[in-house]
Amino acid sequence: MSSLNGSKAFQADIIDDLSSYFKASNASQIAKNFASTIELILIDEEDVYSKAQGEQILRDFFIKHPPVKTSIFHKINTNPNYRFGVIVLSTSKETFRVSVTMKKFNNSFLITELRIEPAKD
């Protein structure tokens, strides 16, 4: 069971996987789950980017804010065509709220919106 990319087992745990990728600062693994274009809201900047641009922006974010811990705050995985998750990402200096919106394309859920904002205490 090494490659479950399109299966329900993998897709059901996609938010868990993304949380692990964020903790590891793994922009390339996160970007593999991007739709062809992604709406990226990063702190106070918002725009629509290509997969490659989104990956580079995430790399830059991880360089400036290396994660030390992640936890899943909330997830919706009951809708057959939609996934949503909120991951709390902690760095040594601050905490961010990462909201991930995914829609089903063919048989896979892909990220259509990624929002990274300072967490409200």
PDB file of N, CA and C in Angstrom:
ATOM      1  N   MET A   1       0.828  -1.195   0.000  1.00  0.00           N
ATOM      2  CA  MET A   1       0.000   0.000   0.000  1.00  0.00           C
ATOM      3  C   MET A   1       0.864   1.248   0.000  1.00  0.00           C
ATOM      4  N   SER A   2       1.827   1.304  -0.874  1.00  0.00           N
ATOM      5  CA  SER A   2       2.715   2.462  -0.878  1.00  0.00           C
ATOM      6  C   SER A   2       2.144   3.627  -1.668  1.00  0.00           C
ATOM      7  N   SER A   3       1.438   3.371  -2.748  1.00  0.00           N
ATOM      8  CA  SER A   3       0.916   4.465  -3.567  1.00  0.00           C
ATOM      9  C   SER A   3      -0.602   4.440  -3.567  1.00  0.00           C
ATOM     10  N   LEU A   4      -1.184   5.187  -2.662  1.00  0.00           N
ATOM     11  CA  LEU A   4      -2.637   5.238  -2.552  1.00  0.00           C
ATOM     12  C   LEU A   4      -3.167   6.571  -3.043  1.00  0.00           C
ATOM     13  N   ASN A   5      -2.446   7.211  -3.940  1.00  0.00           N
ATOM     14  CA  ASN A   5      -2.751   8.578  -4.339  1.00  0.00           C
ATOM     15  C   ASN A   5      -4.204   8.822  -4.702  1.00  0.00           C
ATOM     16  N   GLY A   6      -4.834   7.963  -5.471  1.00  0.00           N
ATOM     17  CA  GLY A   6      -6.200   8.220  -5.888  1.00  0.00           C
ATOM     18  C   GLY A   6      -7.239   7.507  -5.040  1.00  0.00           C
ATOM     19  N   SER A   7      -6.825   6.730  -4.074  1.00  0.00           N
ATOM     20  CA  SER A   7      -7.779   5.936  -3.321  1.00  0.00           C
ATOM     21  C   SER A   7      -8.438   6.738  -2.212  1.00  0.00           C
ATOM     22  N   LYS A   8      -9.553   6.213  -1.753  1.00  0.00           N
ATOM     23  CA  LYS A   8     -10.284   6.889  -0.682  1.00  0.00           C
ATOM     24  C   LYS A   8      -9.467   6.914   0.611  1.00  0.00           C
ATOM     25  N   ALA A   9      -8.687   5.876   0.874  1.00  0.00           N
ATOM     26  CA  ALA A   9      -7.894   5.835   2.109  1.00  0.00           C
ATOM     27  C   ALA A   9      -6.932   7.009   2.170  1.00  0.00           C
ATOM     28  N   PHE A  10      -6.238   7.260   1.060  1.00  0.00           N
ATOM     29  CA  PHE A  10      -5.300   8.384   1.030  1.00  0.00           C
ATOM     30  C   PHE A  10      -6.045   9.700   1.133  1.00  0.00           C
ATOM     31  N   GLN A  11      -7.104   9.842   0.358  1.00  0.00           N
ATOM     32  CA  GLN A  11      -7.819  11.106   0.308  1.00  0.00           C
ATOM     33  C   GLN A  11      -8.475  11.438   1.646  1.00  0.00           C
ATOM     34  N   ALA A  12      -8.916  10.440   2.376  1.00  0.00           N
ATOM     35  CA  ALA A  12      -9.550  10.701   3.665  1.00  0.00           C
ATOM     36  C   ALA A  12      -8.561  11.316   4.641  1.00  0.00           C
ATOM     37  N   ASP A  13      -7.283  10.994   4.490  1.00  0.00           N
ATOM     38  CA  ASP A  13      -6.259  11.476   5.409  1.00  0.00           C
ATOM     39  C   ASP A  13      -5.431  12.612   4.827  1.00  0.00           C
ATOM     40  N   ILE A  14      -5.895  13.235   3.759  1.00  0.00           N
ATOM     41  CA  ILE A  14      -5.100  14.257   3.086  1.00  0.00           C
ATOM     42  C   ILE A  14      -4.770  15.424   4.017  1.00  0.00           C
ATOM     43  N   ILE A  15      -5.674  15.824   4.883  1.00  0.00           N
ATOM     44  CA  ILE A  15      -5.389  16.928   5.808  1.00  0.00           C
ATOM     45  C   ILE A  15      -4.292  16.505   6.789  1.00  0.00           C
ATOM     46  N   ASP A  16      -4.343  15.245   7.239  1.00  0.00           N
ATOM     47  CA  ASP A  16      -3.281  14.732   8.117  1.00  0.00           C
ATOM     48  C   ASP A  16      -1.933  14.769   7.399  1.00  0.00           C
ATOM     49  N   ASP A  17      -1.931  14.341   6.138  1.00  0.00           N
ATOM     50  CA  ASP A  17      -0.693  14.355   5.356  1.00  0.00           C
ATOM     51  C   ASP A  17      -0.173  15.783   5.194  1.00  0.00           C
ATOM     52  N   LEU A  18      -1.075  16.701   4.866  1.00  0.00           N
ATOM     53  CA  LEU A  18      -0.660  18.097   4.687  1.00  0.00           C
ATOM     54  C   LEU A  18      -0.075  18.667   5.974  1.00  0.00           C
ATOM     55  N   SER A  19      -0.657  18.315   7.110  1.00  0.00           N
ATOM     56  CA  SER A  19      -0.121  18.779   8.388  1.00  0.00           C
ATOM     57  C   SER A  19       1.327  18.312   8.560  1.00  0.00           C
ATOM     58  N   SER A  20       1.601  17.061   8.193  1.00  0.00           N
ATOM     59  CA  SER A  20       2.974  16.531   8.266  1.00  0.00           C
ATOM     60  C   SER A  20       3.902  17.277   7.321  1.00  0.00           C
ATOM     61  N   TYR A  21       3.424  17.569   6.107  1.00  0.00           N
ATOM     62  CA  TYR A  21       4.249  18.288   5.134  1.00  0.00           C
ATOM     63  C   TYR A  21       4.555  19.703   5.623  1.00  0.00           C
ATOM     64  N   PHE A  22       3.575  20.359   6.236  1.00  0.00           N
ATOM     65  CA  PHE A  22       3.824  21.701   6.774  1.00  0.00           C
ATOM     66  C   PHE A  22       4.855  21.639   7.896  1.00  0.00           C
ATOM     67  N   LYS A  23       4.734  20.658   8.780  1.00  0.00           N
ATOM     68  CA  LYS A  23       5.697  20.535   9.882  1.00  0.00           C
ATOM     69  C   LYS A  23       7.110  20.328   9.347  1.00  0.00           C
ATOM     70  N   ALA A  24       7.233  19.585   8.237  1.00  0.00           N
ATOM     71  CA  ALA A  24       8.539  19.284   7.646  1.00  0.00           C
ATOM     72  C   ALA A  24       9.023  20.383   6.686  1.00  0.00           C
ATOM     73  N   SER A  25       8.261  21.472   6.558  1.00  0.00           N
ATOM     74  CA  SER A  25       8.591  22.556   5.604  1.00  0.00           C
ATOM     75  C   SER A  25       8.711  22.021   4.184  1.00  0.00           C
ATOM     76  N   ASN A  26       7.899  21.038   3.842  1.00  0.00           N
ATOM     77  CA  ASN A  26       8.025  20.354   2.561  1.00  0.00           C
ATOM     78  C   ASN A  26       7.121  20.999   1.505  1.00  0.00           C
ATOM     79  N   ALA A  27       7.581  22.115   0.954  1.00  0.00           N
ATOM     80  CA  ALA A  27       6.794  22.867  -0.033  1.00  0.00           C
ATOM     81  C   ALA A  27       6.488  22.030  -1.270  1.00  0.00           C
ATOM     82  N   SER A  28       7.428  21.178  -1.697  1.00  0.00           N
ATOM     83  CA  SER A  28       7.191  20.408  -2.926  1.00  0.00           C
ATOM     84  C   SER A  28       6.078  19.378  -2.733  1.00  0.00           C
ATOM     85  N   GLN A  29       6.023  18.719  -1.570  1.00  0.00           N
ATOM     86  CA  GLN A  29       4.943  17.755  -1.314  1.00  0.00           C
ATOM     87  C   GLN A  29       3.600  18.473  -1.213  1.00  0.00           C
ATOM     88  N   ILE A  30       3.582  19.633  -0.581  1.00  0.00           N
ATOM     89  CA  ILE A  30       2.342  20.406  -0.483  1.00  0.00           C
ATOM     90  C   ILE A  30       1.891  20.799  -1.889  1.00  0.00           C
ATOM     91  N   ALA A  31       2.829  21.293  -2.702  1.00  0.00           N
ATOM     92  CA  ALA A  31       2.506  21.763  -4.056  1.00  0.00           C
ATOM     93  C   ALA A  31       2.000  20.635  -4.953  1.00  0.00           C
ATOM     94  N   LYS A  32       2.393  19.393  -4.678  1.00  0.00           N
ATOM     95  CA  LYS A  32       1.880  18.267  -5.465  1.00  0.00           C
ATOM     96  C   LYS A  32       0.362  18.158  -5.340  1.00  0.00           C
ATOM     97  N   ASN A  33      -0.177  18.741  -4.279  1.00  0.00           N
ATOM     98  CA  ASN A  33      -1.616  18.699  -4.042  1.00  0.00           C
ATOM     99  C   ASN A  33      -2.329  19.959  -4.515  1.00  0.00           C
ATOM    100  N   PHE A  34      -1.600  20.890  -5.135  1.00  0.00           N
ATOM    101  CA  PHE A  34      -2.211  22.110  -5.664  1.00  0.00           C
ATOM    102  C   PHE A  34      -3.002  21.797  -6.929  1.00  0.00           C
ATOM    103  N   ALA A  35      -4.096  22.531  -7.131  1.00  0.00           N
ATOM    104  CA  ALA A  35      -4.769  22.545  -8.428  1.00  0.00           C
ATOM    105  C   ALA A  35      -3.847  23.300  -9.391  1.00  0.00           C
ATOM    106  N   SER A  36      -4.194  23.375 -10.667  1.00  0.00           N
ATOM    107  CA  SER A  36      -3.312  24.040 -11.640  1.00  0.00           C
ATOM    108  C   SER A  36      -3.092  25.510 -11.297  1.00  0.00           C
ATOM    109  N   THR A  37      -4.094  26.149 -10.713  1.00  0.00           N
ATOM    110  CA  THR A  37      -3.905  27.487 -10.133  1.00  0.00           C
ATOM    111  C   THR A  37      -4.429  27.434  -8.712  1.00  0.00           C
ATOM    112  N   ILE A  38      -3.832  28.249  -7.858  1.00  0.00           N
ATOM    113  CA  ILE A  38      -4.197  28.241  -6.449  1.00  0.00           C
ATOM    114  C   ILE A  38      -4.342  29.665  -5.951  1.00  0.00           C
ATOM    115  N   GLU A  39      -5.412  29.891  -5.192  1.00  0.00           N
ATOM    116  CA  GLU A  39      -5.556  31.180  -4.528  1.00  0.00           C
ATOM    117  C   GLU A  39      -4.764  31.083  -3.232  1.00  0.00           C
ATOM    118  N   LEU A  40      -3.765  31.931  -3.116  1.00  0.00           N
ATOM    119  CA  LEU A  40      -2.872  31.886  -1.963  1.00  0.00           C
ATOM    120  C   LEU A  40      -2.981  33.195  -1.202  1.00  0.00           C
ATOM    121  N   ILE A  41      -3.375  33.088   0.056  1.00  0.00           N
ATOM    122  CA  ILE A  41      -3.469  34.244   0.938  1.00  0.00           C
ATOM    123  C   ILE A  41      -2.394  34.034   1.993  1.00  0.00           C
ATOM    124  N   LEU A  42      -1.365  34.856   1.943  1.00  0.00           N
ATOM    125  CA  LEU A  42      -0.223  34.684   2.832  1.00  0.00           C
ATOM    126  C   LEU A  42      -0.050  35.945   3.661  1.00  0.00           C
ATOM    127  N   ILE A  43      -0.424  35.857   4.931  1.00  0.00           N
ATOM    128  CA  ILE A  43      -0.398  36.938   5.904  1.00  0.00           C
ATOM    129  C   ILE A  43      -1.262  38.095   5.406  1.00  0.00           C
ATOM    130  N   ASP A  44      -0.748  38.984   4.564  1.00  0.00           N
ATOM    131  CA  ASP A  44      -1.584  40.098   4.103  1.00  0.00           C
ATOM    132  C   ASP A  44      -1.554  40.255   2.589  1.00  0.00           C
ATOM    133  N   GLU A  45      -1.037  39.262   1.883  1.00  0.00           N
ATOM    134  CA  GLU A  45      -1.008  39.312   0.420  1.00  0.00           C
ATOM    135  C   GLU A  45      -1.888  38.206  -0.136  1.00  0.00           C
ATOM    136  N   GLU A  46      -2.655  38.560  -1.164  1.00  0.00           N
ATOM    137  CA  GLU A  46      -3.577  37.597  -1.752  1.00  0.00           C
ATOM    138  C   GLU A  46      -3.508  37.683  -3.265  1.00  0.00           C
ATOM    139  N   ASP A  47      -3.400  36.512  -3.909  1.00  0.00           N
ATOM    140  CA  ASP A  47      -3.379  36.485  -5.367  1.00  0.00           C
ATOM    141  C   ASP A  47      -3.610  35.047  -5.830  1.00  0.00           C
ATOM    142  N   VAL A  48      -3.783  34.886  -7.126  1.00  0.00           N
ATOM    143  CA  VAL A  48      -3.909  33.562  -7.731  1.00  0.00           C
ATOM    144  C   VAL A  48      -2.585  33.256  -8.422  1.00  0.00           C
ATOM    145  N   TYR A  49      -2.043  32.067  -8.135  1.00  0.00           N
ATOM    146  CA  TYR A  49      -0.725  31.695  -8.633  1.00  0.00           C
ATOM    147  C   TYR A  49      -0.781  30.350  -9.342  1.00  0.00           C
ATOM    148  N   SER A  50       0.232  30.105 -10.161  1.00  0.00           N
ATOM    149  CA  SER A  50       0.412  28.775 -10.747  1.00  0.00           C
ATOM    150  C   SER A  50       0.945  27.850  -9.654  1.00  0.00           C
ATOM    151  N   LYS A  51       0.933  26.571  -9.935  1.00  0.00           N
ATOM    152  CA  LYS A  51       1.476  25.574  -9.012  1.00  0.00           C
ATOM    153  C   LYS A  51       2.925  25.906  -8.634  1.00  0.00           C
ATOM    154  N   ALA A  52       3.759  26.193  -9.644  1.00  0.00           N
ATOM    155  CA  ALA A  52       5.185  26.471  -9.412  1.00  0.00           C
ATOM    156  C   ALA A  52       5.378  27.746  -8.590  1.00  0.00           C
ATOM    157  N   GLN A  53       4.618  28.785  -8.906  1.00  0.00           N
ATOM    158  CA  GLN A  53       4.726  30.033  -8.139  1.00  0.00           C
ATOM    159  C   GLN A  53       4.308  29.798  -6.689  1.00  0.00           C
ATOM    160  N   GLY A  54       3.221  29.065  -6.500  1.00  0.00           N
ATOM    161  CA  GLY A  54       2.743  28.773  -5.149  1.00  0.00           C
ATOM    162  C   GLY A  54       3.775  28.012  -4.340  1.00  0.00           C
ATOM    163  N   GLU A  55       4.434  27.053  -4.984  1.00  0.00           N
ATOM    164  CA  GLU A  55       5.475  26.277  -4.301  1.00  0.00           C
ATOM    165  C   GLU A  55       6.621  27.186  -3.868  1.00  0.00           C
ATOM    166  N   GLN A  56       7.056  28.087  -4.733  1.00  0.00           N
ATOM    167  CA  GLN A  56       8.163  28.993  -4.396  1.00  0.00           C
ATOM    168  C   GLN A  56       7.782  29.931  -3.249  1.00  0.00           C
ATOM    169  N   ILE A  57       6.561  30.422  -3.258  1.00  0.00           N
ATOM    170  CA  ILE A  57       6.097  31.303  -2.181  1.00  0.00           C
ATOM    171  C   ILE A  57       6.093  30.545  -0.855  1.00  0.00           C
ATOM    172  N   LEU A  58       5.666  29.283  -0.882  1.00  0.00           N
ATOM    173  CA  LEU A  58       5.704  28.460   0.334  1.00  0.00           C
ATOM    174  C   LEU A  58       7.136  28.237   0.807  1.00  0.00           C
ATOM    175  N   ARG A  59       8.048  27.954  -0.122  1.00  0.00           N
ATOM    176  CA  ARG A  59       9.469  27.777   0.251  1.00  0.00           C
ATOM    177  C   ARG A  59       9.979  29.016   0.986  1.00  0.00           C
ATOM    178  N   ASP A  60       9.685  30.193   0.420  1.00  0.00           N
ATOM    179  CA  ASP A  60      10.116  31.451   1.043  1.00  0.00           C
ATOM    180  C   ASP A  60       9.499  31.614   2.429  1.00  0.00           C
ATOM    181  N   PHE A  61       8.229  31.260   2.559  1.00  0.00           N
ATOM    182  CA  PHE A  61       7.553  31.350   3.855  1.00  0.00           C
ATOM    183  C   PHE A  61       8.258  30.455   4.878  1.00  0.00           C
ATOM    184  N   PHE A  62       8.571  29.209   4.486  1.00  0.00           N
ATOM    185  CA  PHE A  62       9.217  28.273   5.411  1.00  0.00           C
ATOM    186  C   PHE A  62      10.624  28.730   5.802  1.00  0.00           C
ATOM    187  N   ILE A  63      11.337  29.411   4.902  1.00  0.00           N
ATOM    188  CA  ILE A  63      12.662  29.944   5.245  1.00  0.00           C
ATOM    189  C   ILE A  63      12.519  31.024   6.320  1.00  0.00           C
ATOM    190  N   LYS A  64      11.523  31.882   6.165  1.00  0.00           N
ATOM    191  CA  LYS A  64      11.304  32.975   7.131  1.00  0.00           C
ATOM    192  C   LYS A  64      10.661  32.489   8.421  1.00  0.00           C
ATOM    193  N   HIS A  65       9.865  31.429   8.331  1.00  0.00           N
ATOM    194  CA  HIS A  65       9.096  30.938   9.484  1.00  0.00           C
ATOM    195  C   HIS A  65       9.227  29.418   9.588  1.00  0.00           C
ATOM    196  N   PRO A  66      10.394  28.912  10.025  1.00  0.00           N
ATOM    197  CA  PRO A  66      10.555  27.449  10.110  1.00  0.00           C
ATOM    198  C   PRO A  66       9.599  26.840  11.146  1.00  0.00           C
ATOM    199  N   PRO A  67       8.763  25.900  10.736  1.00  0.00           N
ATOM    200  CA  PRO A  67       7.816  25.290  11.670  1.00  0.00           C
ATOM    201  C   PRO A  67       8.518  24.421  12.709  1.00  0.00           C
ATOM    202  N   VAL A  68       7.984  24.428  13.922  1.00  0.00           N
ATOM    203  CA  VAL A  68       8.466  23.516  14.957  1.00  0.00           C
ATOM    204  C   VAL A  68       7.381  22.517  15.340  1.00  0.00           C
ATOM    205  N   LYS A  69       6.121  22.866  15.048  1.00  0.00           N
ATOM    206  CA  LYS A  69       5.020  21.983  15.430  1.00  0.00           C
ATOM    207  C   LYS A  69       3.793  22.305  14.585  1.00  0.00           C
ATOM    208  N   THR A  70       3.013  21.284  14.275  1.00  0.00           N
ATOM    209  CA  THR A  70       1.711  21.500  13.641  1.00  0.00           C
ATOM    210  C   THR A  70       0.679  20.652  14.363  1.00  0.00           C
ATOM    211  N   SER A  71      -0.554  21.116  14.331  1.00  0.00           N
ATOM    212  CA  SER A  71      -1.656  20.311  14.842  1.00  0.00           C
ATOM    213  C   SER A  71      -2.902  20.634  14.029  1.00  0.00           C
ATOM    214  N   ILE A  72      -3.751  19.645  13.889  1.00  0.00           N
ATOM    215  CA  ILE A  72      -4.990  19.850  13.136  1.00  0.00           C
ATOM    216  C   ILE A  72      -6.028  20.396  14.094  1.00  0.00           C
ATOM    217  N   PHE A  73      -6.536  21.570  13.758  1.00  0.00           N
ATOM    218  CA  PHE A  73      -7.526  22.245  14.589  1.00  0.00           C
ATOM    219  C   PHE A  73      -8.936  21.816  14.187  1.00  0.00           C
ATOM    220  N   HIS A  74      -9.140  21.623  12.882  1.00  0.00           N
ATOM    221  CA  HIS A  74     -10.488  21.335  12.378  1.00  0.00           C
ATOM    222  C   HIS A  74     -10.363  20.691  11.001  1.00  0.00           C
ATOM    223  N   LYS A  75     -11.259  19.766  10.698  1.00  0.00           N
ATOM    224  CA  LYS A  75     -11.300  19.269   9.322  1.00  0.00           C
ATOM    225  C   LYS A  75     -12.706  18.814   8.967  1.00  0.00           C
ATOM    226  N   ILE A  76     -13.042  19.035   7.697  1.00  0.00           N
ATOM    227  CA  ILE A  76     -14.308  18.575   7.138  1.00  0.00           C
ATOM    228  C   ILE A  76     -13.942  17.588   6.041  1.00  0.00           C
ATOM    229  N   ASN A  77     -14.336  16.326   6.233  1.00  0.00           N
ATOM    230  CA  ASN A  77     -14.017  15.328   5.212  1.00  0.00           C
ATOM    231  C   ASN A  77     -15.212  14.431   4.908  1.00  0.00           C
ATOM    232  N   THR A  78     -16.417  14.935   5.168  1.00  0.00           N
ATOM    233  CA  THR A  78     -17.614  14.133   4.921  1.00  0.00           C
ATOM    234  C   THR A  78     -18.234  14.399   3.554  1.00  0.00           C
ATOM    235  N   ASN A  79     -17.928  15.535   2.941  1.00  0.00           N
ATOM    236  CA  ASN A  79     -18.468  15.860   1.626  1.00  0.00           C
ATOM    237  C   ASN A  79     -17.662  15.120   0.556  1.00  0.00           C
ATOM    238  N   PRO A  80     -18.323  14.414  -0.364  1.00  0.00           N
ATOM    239  CA  PRO A  80     -17.578  13.637  -1.366  1.00  0.00           C
ATOM    240  C   PRO A  80     -16.792  14.485  -2.371  1.00  0.00           C
ATOM    241  N   ASN A  81     -17.086  15.776  -2.465  1.00  0.00           N
ATOM    242  CA  ASN A  81     -16.431  16.629  -3.464  1.00  0.00           C
ATOM    243  C   ASN A  81     -15.615  17.764  -2.868  1.00  0.00           C
ATOM    244  N   TYR A  82     -15.453  17.785  -1.559  1.00  0.00           N
ATOM    245  CA  TYR A  82     -14.870  18.952  -0.893  1.00  0.00           C
ATOM    246  C   TYR A  82     -14.132  18.506   0.361  1.00  0.00           C
ATOM    247  N   ARG A  83     -13.009  19.107   0.622  1.00  0.00           N
ATOM    248  CA  ARG A  83     -12.285  18.908   1.880  1.00  0.00           C
ATOM    249  C   ARG A  83     -11.870  20.276   2.398  1.00  0.00           C
ATOM    250  N   PHE A  84     -11.852  20.405   3.710  1.00  0.00           N
ATOM    251  CA  PHE A  84     -11.410  21.648   4.334  1.00  0.00           C
ATOM    252  C   PHE A  84     -10.691  21.284   5.616  1.00  0.00           C
ATOM    253  N   GLY A  85      -9.607  21.977   5.886  1.00  0.00           N
ATOM    254  CA  GLY A  85      -8.896  21.736   7.129  1.00  0.00           C
ATOM    255  C   GLY A  85      -8.243  22.999   7.632  1.00  0.00           C
ATOM    256  N   VAL A  86      -8.111  23.059   8.948  1.00  0.00           N
ATOM    257  CA  VAL A  86      -7.374  24.151   9.577  1.00  0.00           C
ATOM    258  C   VAL A  86      -6.242  23.515  10.370  1.00  0.00           C
ATOM    259  N   ILE A  87      -5.035  23.921  10.035  1.00  0.00           N
ATOM    260  CA  ILE A  87      -3.829  23.417  10.688  1.00  0.00           C
ATOM    261  C   ILE A  87      -3.208  24.570  11.457  1.00  0.00           C
ATOM    262  N   VAL A  88      -2.879  24.329  12.705  1.00  0.00           N
ATOM    263  CA  VAL A  88      -2.168  25.330  13.496  1.00  0.00           C
ATOM    264  C   VAL A  88      -0.679  25.043  13.338  1.00  0.00           C
ATOM    265  N   LEU A  89       0.054  26.024  12.813  1.00  0.00           N
ATOM    266  CA  LEU A  89       1.479  25.883  12.541  1.00  0.00           C
ATOM    267  C   LEU A  89       2.239  26.790  13.506  1.00  0.00           C
ATOM    268  N   SER A  90       3.056  26.189  14.344  1.00  0.00           N
ATOM    269  CA  SER A  90       3.827  26.959  15.325  1.00  0.00           C
ATOM    270  C   SER A  90       5.278  27.052  14.896  1.00  0.00           C
ATOM    271  N   THR A  91       5.826  28.259  15.003  1.00  0.00           N
ATOM    272  CA  THR A  91       7.254  28.474  14.785  1.00  0.00           C
ATOM    273  C   THR A  91       7.845  28.846  16.137  1.00  0.00           C
ATOM    274  N   SER A  92       9.140  29.095  16.185  1.00  0.00           N
ATOM    275  CA  SER A  92       9.745  29.465  17.464  1.00  0.00           C
ATOM    276  C   SER A  92       9.278  30.847  17.919  1.00  0.00           C
ATOM    277  N   LYS A  93       8.811  31.681  16.977  1.00  0.00           N
ATOM    278  CA  LYS A  93       8.425  33.049  17.320  1.00  0.00           C
ATOM    279  C   LYS A  93       6.929  33.309  17.299  1.00  0.00           C
ATOM    280  N   GLU A  94       6.200  32.611  16.440  1.00  0.00           N
ATOM    281  CA  GLU A  94       4.769  32.910  16.314  1.00  0.00           C
ATOM    282  C   GLU A  94       3.990  31.686  15.851  1.00  0.00           C
ATOM    283  N   THR A  95       2.676  31.844  15.863  1.00  0.00           N
ATOM    284  CA  THR A  95       1.784  30.764  15.468  1.00  0.00           C
ATOM    285  C   THR A  95       0.903  31.239  14.320  1.00  0.00           C
ATOM    286  N   PHE A  96       0.715  30.358  13.333  1.00  0.00           N
ATOM    287  CA  PHE A  96      -0.098  30.677  12.162  1.00  0.00           C
ATOM    288  C   PHE A  96      -1.271  29.715  12.061  1.00  0.00           C
ATOM    289  N   ARG A  97      -2.337  30.209  11.486  1.00  0.00           N
ATOM    290  CA  ARG A  97      -3.518  29.401  11.173  1.00  0.00           C
ATOM    291  C   ARG A  97      -3.478  29.147   9.667  1.00  0.00           C
ATOM    292  N   VAL A  98      -3.402  27.893   9.288  1.00  0.00           N
ATOM    293  CA  VAL A  98      -3.338  27.504   7.880  1.00  0.00           C
ATOM    294  C   VAL A  98      -4.685  26.881   7.507  1.00  0.00           C
ATOM    295  N   SER A  99      -5.418  27.538   6.616  1.00  0.00           N
ATOM    296  CA  SER A  99      -6.708  27.019   6.153  1.00  0.00           C
ATOM    297  C   SER A  99      -6.528  26.466   4.745  1.00  0.00           C
ATOM    298  N   VAL A 100      -6.962  25.235   4.556  1.00  0.00           N
ATOM    299  CA  VAL A 100      -6.790  24.545   3.279  1.00  0.00           C
ATOM    300  C   VAL A 100      -8.163  24.183   2.723  1.00  0.00           C
ATOM    301  N   THR A 101      -8.459  24.668   1.523  1.00  0.00           N
ATOM    302  CA  THR A 101      -9.699  24.312   0.834  1.00  0.00           C
ATOM    303  C   THR A 101      -9.341  23.441  -0.363  1.00  0.00           C
ATOM    304  N   MET A 102      -9.981  22.281  -0.438  1.00  0.00           N
ATOM    305  CA  MET A 102      -9.699  21.338  -1.521  1.00  0.00           C
ATOM    306  C   MET A 102     -10.996  20.968  -2.225  1.00  0.00           C
ATOM    307  N   LYS A 103     -10.898  20.823  -3.541  1.00  0.00           N
ATOM    308  CA  LYS A 103     -12.038  20.365  -4.334  1.00  0.00           C
ATOM    309  C   LYS A 103     -11.622  19.133  -5.120  1.00  0.00           C
ATOM    310  N   LYS A 104     -12.612  18.317  -5.430  1.00  0.00           N
ATOM    311  CA  LYS A 104     -12.334  17.074  -6.147  1.00  0.00           C
ATOM    312  C   LYS A 104     -12.215  17.333  -7.645  1.00  0.00           C
ATOM    313  N   PHE A 105     -11.104  16.893  -8.218  1.00  0.00           N
ATOM    314  CA  PHE A 105     -10.863  16.933  -9.659  1.00  0.00           C
ATOM    315  C   PHE A 105     -10.568  15.500 -10.074  1.00  0.00           C
ATOM    316  N   ASN A 106     -11.350  14.953 -10.991  1.00  0.00           N
ATOM    317  CA  ASN A 106     -11.253  13.538 -11.338  1.00  0.00           C
ATOM    318  C   ASN A 106     -11.417  12.727 -10.060  1.00  0.00           C
ATOM    319  N   ASN A 107     -10.417  11.995  -9.617  1.00  0.00           N
ATOM    320  CA  ASN A 107     -10.563  11.204  -8.392  1.00  0.00           C
ATOM    321  C   ASN A 107      -9.705  11.700  -7.244  1.00  0.00           C
ATOM    322  N   SER A 108      -9.139  12.893  -7.372  1.00  0.00           N
ATOM    323  CA  SER A 108      -8.243  13.402  -6.333  1.00  0.00           C
ATOM    324  C   SER A 108      -8.714  14.750  -5.820  1.00  0.00           C
ATOM    325  N   PHE A 109      -8.440  14.999  -4.556  1.00  0.00           N
ATOM    326  CA  PHE A 109      -8.701  16.311  -3.980  1.00  0.00           C
ATOM    327  C   PHE A 109      -7.467  17.175  -4.172  1.00  0.00           C
ATOM    328  N   LEU A 110      -7.669  18.362  -4.719  1.00  0.00           N
ATOM    329  CA  LEU A 110      -6.570  19.289  -4.954  1.00  0.00           C
ATOM    330  C   LEU A 110      -6.849  20.603  -4.239  1.00  0.00           C
ATOM    331  N   ILE A 111      -5.783  21.229  -3.780  1.00  0.00           N
ATOM    332  CA  ILE A 111      -5.903  22.485  -3.040  1.00  0.00           C
ATOM    333  C   ILE A 111      -6.232  23.606  -4.020  1.00  0.00           C
ATOM    334  N   THR A 112      -7.344  24.286  -3.769  1.00  0.00           N
ATOM    335  CA  THR A 112      -7.732  25.433  -4.592  1.00  0.00           C
ATOM    336  C   THR A 112      -7.479  26.744  -3.861  1.00  0.00           C
ATOM    337  N   GLU A 113      -7.459  26.684  -2.525  1.00  0.00           N
ATOM    338  CA  GLU A 113      -7.175  27.885  -1.735  1.00  0.00           C
ATOM    339  C   GLU A 113      -6.339  27.501  -0.522  1.00  0.00           C
ATOM    340  N   LEU A 114      -5.303  28.280  -0.287  1.00  0.00           N
ATOM    341  CA  LEU A 114      -4.433  28.088   0.871  1.00  0.00           C
ATOM    342  C   LEU A 114      -4.272  29.438   1.540  1.00  0.00           C
ATOM    343  N   ARG A 115      -4.642  29.488   2.812  1.00  0.00           N
ATOM    344  CA  ARG A 115      -4.627  30.744   3.558  1.00  0.00           C
ATOM    345  C   ARG A 115      -3.725  30.555   4.776  1.00  0.00           C
ATOM    346  N   ILE A 116      -2.694  31.388   4.897  1.00  0.00           N
ATOM    347  CA  ILE A 116      -1.790  31.333   6.051  1.00  0.00           C
ATOM    348  C   ILE A 116      -1.832  32.696   6.721  1.00  0.00           C
ATOM    349  N   GLU A 117      -2.363  32.721   7.937  1.00  0.00           N
ATOM    350  CA  GLU A 117      -2.554  33.982   8.653  1.00  0.00           C
ATOM    351  C   GLU A 117      -2.054  33.844  10.084  1.00  0.00           C
ATOM    352  N   PRO A 118      -1.651  34.957  10.697  1.00  0.00           N
ATOM    353  CA  PRO A 118      -1.292  34.884  12.111  1.00  0.00           C
ATOM    354  C   PRO A 118      -2.483  34.362  12.917  1.00  0.00           C
ATOM    355  N   ALA A 119      -2.217  33.457  13.836  1.00  0.00           N
ATOM    356  CA  ALA A 119      -3.292  32.911  14.666  1.00  0.00           C
ATOM    357  C   ALA A 119      -3.772  33.978  15.636  1.00  0.00           C
ATOM    358  N   LYS A 120      -5.075  33.985  15.839  1.00  0.00           N
ATOM    359  CA  LYS A 120      -5.650  34.909  16.823  1.00  0.00           C
ATOM    360  C   LYS A 120      -5.696  34.175  18.150  1.00  0.00           C
ATOM    361  N   ASP A 121      -5.055  34.736  19.144  1.00  0.00           N
ATOM    362  CA  ASP A 121      -5.005  34.058  20.454  1.00  0.00           C
ATOM    363  C   ASP A 121      -6.318  34.141  21.191  1.00  0.00           C
TER     364      ASP A 121
END
